[in-house]
N, C-alpha and C. Protein backbone atom coordinates (compact mmCIF):
# COMPACT_ATOMS: atom_id res chain seq x y z
N MET A 1 3.10 -16.27 13.75
CA MET A 1 4.16 -15.94 12.83
C MET A 1 4.62 -14.51 13.11
N GLU A 2 5.91 -14.37 13.28
CA GLU A 2 6.49 -13.04 13.48
C GLU A 2 7.31 -12.69 12.25
N ILE A 3 7.12 -11.49 11.73
CA ILE A 3 7.84 -11.04 10.55
C ILE A 3 8.73 -9.87 10.94
N LYS A 4 10.02 -10.01 10.64
CA LYS A 4 10.98 -8.94 10.88
C LYS A 4 11.56 -8.52 9.54
N TYR A 5 11.68 -7.24 9.33
CA TYR A 5 12.21 -6.71 8.08
C TYR A 5 13.63 -6.20 8.28
N SER A 6 14.50 -6.49 7.31
CA SER A 6 15.86 -5.98 7.38
C SER A 6 15.85 -4.48 7.08
N LYS A 7 16.88 -3.78 7.53
CA LYS A 7 17.00 -2.35 7.24
C LYS A 7 17.07 -2.12 5.74
N LYS A 8 17.77 -3.00 5.04
CA LYS A 8 17.88 -2.86 3.59
C LYS A 8 16.51 -2.99 2.93
N PHE A 9 15.71 -3.95 3.39
CA PHE A 9 14.38 -4.11 2.82
C PHE A 9 13.56 -2.85 3.02
N LEU A 10 13.54 -2.33 4.23
CA LEU A 10 12.74 -1.14 4.51
C LEU A 10 13.17 0.05 3.66
N LYS A 11 14.47 0.18 3.46
CA LYS A 11 15.00 1.27 2.64
C LYS A 11 14.57 1.11 1.18
N GLU A 12 14.70 -0.10 0.64
CA GLU A 12 14.32 -0.36 -0.75
C GLU A 12 12.80 -0.29 -0.93
N PHE A 13 12.05 -0.80 0.05
CA PHE A 13 10.60 -0.77 -0.03
C PHE A 13 10.09 0.67 -0.10
N ASP A 14 10.72 1.55 0.66
CA ASP A 14 10.34 2.95 0.67
C ASP A 14 10.50 3.59 -0.71
N LYS A 15 11.46 3.10 -1.49
CA LYS A 15 11.73 3.64 -2.84
C LYS A 15 10.79 3.07 -3.90
N CYS A 16 10.11 1.98 -3.60
CA CYS A 16 9.25 1.31 -4.59
C CYS A 16 8.04 2.17 -4.94
N PRO A 17 7.55 2.01 -6.17
CA PRO A 17 6.31 2.69 -6.54
C PRO A 17 5.14 2.19 -5.68
N ASN A 18 4.15 3.04 -5.49
CA ASN A 18 2.99 2.66 -4.66
C ASN A 18 2.30 1.41 -5.16
N LYS A 19 2.27 1.20 -6.46
CA LYS A 19 1.65 0.00 -7.02
C LYS A 19 2.33 -1.26 -6.51
N ILE A 20 3.65 -1.23 -6.41
CA ILE A 20 4.41 -2.38 -5.91
C ILE A 20 4.19 -2.55 -4.41
N LYS A 21 4.15 -1.45 -3.68
CA LYS A 21 3.89 -1.52 -2.24
C LYS A 21 2.53 -2.16 -1.97
N GLU A 22 1.53 -1.75 -2.73
CA GLU A 22 0.19 -2.32 -2.56
C GLU A 22 0.18 -3.80 -2.90
N ALA A 23 0.87 -4.18 -3.97
CA ALA A 23 0.94 -5.60 -4.35
C ALA A 23 1.63 -6.40 -3.24
N PHE A 24 2.70 -5.85 -2.66
CA PHE A 24 3.40 -6.54 -1.58
C PHE A 24 2.48 -6.76 -0.39
N LEU A 25 1.75 -5.73 0.00
CA LEU A 25 0.87 -5.85 1.16
C LEU A 25 -0.23 -6.87 0.92
N LYS A 26 -0.75 -6.95 -0.29
CA LYS A 26 -1.76 -7.96 -0.62
C LYS A 26 -1.17 -9.36 -0.52
N ARG A 27 0.04 -9.53 -1.07
CA ARG A 27 0.68 -10.85 -1.03
C ARG A 27 1.07 -11.21 0.39
N LEU A 28 1.47 -10.23 1.18
CA LEU A 28 1.81 -10.49 2.58
C LEU A 28 0.59 -10.99 3.34
N ALA A 29 -0.56 -10.41 3.07
CA ALA A 29 -1.80 -10.87 3.71
C ALA A 29 -2.09 -12.32 3.35
N ILE A 30 -1.88 -12.67 2.10
CA ILE A 30 -2.08 -14.06 1.66
C ILE A 30 -1.07 -14.96 2.36
N PHE A 31 0.19 -14.53 2.37
CA PHE A 31 1.26 -15.32 2.97
C PHE A 31 1.02 -15.59 4.45
N THR A 32 0.56 -14.59 5.18
CA THR A 32 0.35 -14.78 6.62
C THR A 32 -0.82 -15.70 6.92
N SER A 33 -1.75 -15.84 5.98
CA SER A 33 -2.87 -16.76 6.23
C SER A 33 -2.63 -18.15 5.64
N ILE A 34 -2.01 -18.20 4.45
CA ILE A 34 -1.74 -19.49 3.79
C ILE A 34 -0.36 -19.41 3.14
N GLU A 35 0.66 -19.84 3.87
CA GLU A 35 2.05 -19.69 3.40
C GLU A 35 2.31 -20.29 2.02
N TYR A 36 1.67 -21.39 1.71
CA TYR A 36 1.95 -22.08 0.45
C TYR A 36 0.81 -21.95 -0.55
N ASN A 37 0.10 -20.82 -0.52
CA ASN A 37 -0.93 -20.54 -1.52
C ASN A 37 -0.25 -20.55 -2.89
N PRO A 38 -0.81 -21.25 -3.87
CA PRO A 38 -0.17 -21.37 -5.18
C PRO A 38 0.13 -20.03 -5.87
N ILE A 39 -0.65 -19.00 -5.58
CA ILE A 39 -0.42 -17.70 -6.21
C ILE A 39 0.94 -17.11 -5.79
N LEU A 40 1.45 -17.52 -4.64
CA LEU A 40 2.72 -16.99 -4.14
C LEU A 40 3.94 -17.67 -4.76
N ASN A 41 3.77 -18.87 -5.24
CA ASN A 41 4.90 -19.66 -5.74
C ASN A 41 6.04 -19.70 -4.71
N ASN A 42 5.68 -19.99 -3.47
CA ASN A 42 6.64 -20.06 -2.37
C ASN A 42 7.60 -21.22 -2.61
N HIS A 43 8.90 -20.91 -2.68
CA HIS A 43 9.88 -21.96 -2.93
C HIS A 43 11.24 -21.59 -2.34
N ARG A 44 12.01 -22.62 -2.04
CA ARG A 44 13.37 -22.44 -1.52
C ARG A 44 14.29 -22.10 -2.68
N LEU A 45 15.22 -21.19 -2.42
CA LEU A 45 16.20 -20.84 -3.44
C LEU A 45 17.38 -21.81 -3.38
N SER A 46 18.23 -21.73 -4.38
CA SER A 46 19.39 -22.64 -4.42
C SER A 46 20.67 -21.83 -4.49
N GLY A 47 21.78 -22.53 -4.46
CA GLY A 47 23.08 -21.87 -4.55
C GLY A 47 23.40 -21.08 -3.30
N GLN A 48 23.99 -19.90 -3.49
CA GLN A 48 24.41 -19.07 -2.36
C GLN A 48 23.23 -18.54 -1.54
N LEU A 49 22.04 -18.57 -2.12
CA LEU A 49 20.85 -18.07 -1.42
C LEU A 49 19.99 -19.20 -0.86
N GLN A 50 20.55 -20.39 -0.69
CA GLN A 50 19.76 -21.55 -0.31
C GLN A 50 19.13 -21.45 1.08
N ILE A 51 19.55 -20.51 1.90
CA ILE A 51 18.91 -20.36 3.22
C ILE A 51 17.63 -19.54 3.13
N TYR A 52 17.33 -19.02 1.94
CA TYR A 52 16.16 -18.17 1.74
C TYR A 52 15.07 -18.87 0.94
N HIS A 53 13.86 -18.36 1.09
CA HIS A 53 12.72 -18.73 0.28
C HIS A 53 12.31 -17.49 -0.49
N SER A 54 11.47 -17.67 -1.51
CA SER A 54 11.01 -16.57 -2.33
C SER A 54 9.51 -16.70 -2.58
N ILE A 55 8.82 -15.56 -2.60
CA ILE A 55 7.43 -15.54 -3.03
C ILE A 55 7.30 -14.47 -4.11
N ASN A 56 6.36 -14.68 -5.01
CA ASN A 56 6.11 -13.72 -6.09
C ASN A 56 5.28 -12.55 -5.56
N ILE A 57 5.70 -11.35 -5.94
CA ILE A 57 4.93 -10.15 -5.63
C ILE A 57 4.25 -9.68 -6.92
N THR A 58 5.04 -9.49 -7.96
CA THR A 58 4.54 -9.20 -9.31
C THR A 58 5.41 -9.99 -10.26
N GLY A 59 5.22 -9.79 -11.55
CA GLY A 59 6.05 -10.49 -12.53
C GLY A 59 7.53 -10.17 -12.39
N ASP A 60 7.86 -8.97 -11.93
CA ASP A 60 9.25 -8.54 -11.82
C ASP A 60 9.77 -8.46 -10.39
N TYR A 61 8.91 -8.58 -9.41
CA TYR A 61 9.32 -8.41 -8.02
C TYR A 61 9.10 -9.70 -7.24
N ARG A 62 10.07 -10.00 -6.37
CA ARG A 62 10.01 -11.14 -5.46
C ARG A 62 10.35 -10.66 -4.06
N ALA A 63 9.83 -11.35 -3.08
CA ALA A 63 10.21 -11.10 -1.69
C ALA A 63 10.98 -12.32 -1.21
N LEU A 64 12.18 -12.10 -0.71
CA LEU A 64 12.99 -13.18 -0.15
C LEU A 64 12.82 -13.17 1.36
N PHE A 65 12.79 -14.36 1.94
CA PHE A 65 12.66 -14.44 3.38
C PHE A 65 13.37 -15.68 3.90
N LYS A 66 13.68 -15.62 5.18
CA LYS A 66 14.34 -16.74 5.84
C LYS A 66 13.44 -17.18 6.99
N ILE A 67 13.25 -18.47 7.11
CA ILE A 67 12.45 -19.03 8.19
C ILE A 67 13.36 -19.26 9.38
N CYS A 68 13.01 -18.64 10.49
CA CYS A 68 13.80 -18.78 11.71
C CYS A 68 13.02 -19.63 12.71
N ASN A 69 13.67 -20.60 13.25
CA ASN A 69 13.07 -21.48 14.23
C ASN A 69 13.07 -20.76 15.58
N ALA A 70 11.93 -20.66 16.24
CA ALA A 70 11.82 -19.96 17.52
C ALA A 70 12.75 -20.57 18.57
N ALA A 71 13.03 -21.87 18.48
CA ALA A 71 13.90 -22.53 19.45
C ALA A 71 15.34 -22.07 19.31
N ASN A 72 15.72 -21.53 18.13
CA ASN A 72 17.09 -21.10 17.90
C ASN A 72 17.33 -19.63 18.21
N LYS A 73 16.31 -18.91 18.69
CA LYS A 73 16.49 -17.49 19.00
C LYS A 73 17.38 -17.33 20.21
N SER A 74 18.23 -16.31 20.16
CA SER A 74 19.06 -16.02 21.34
C SER A 74 18.91 -14.59 21.75
């Protein structure tokens, strides 16, 4: 699994409190080992964001991500 971060994410992540950064890193570790661990509540979004999935970081924070197929890379 390869994870790429958008520039916007990196900029916003840098502004987050350390508590949120630590929570994100813990959830990322879970996600990279078991993508659909129930604690993450990994699910596809709907509407205009339907190309994205979401996982829970804290009660107020979510991480959105898009799954890219390696065969479609150019």
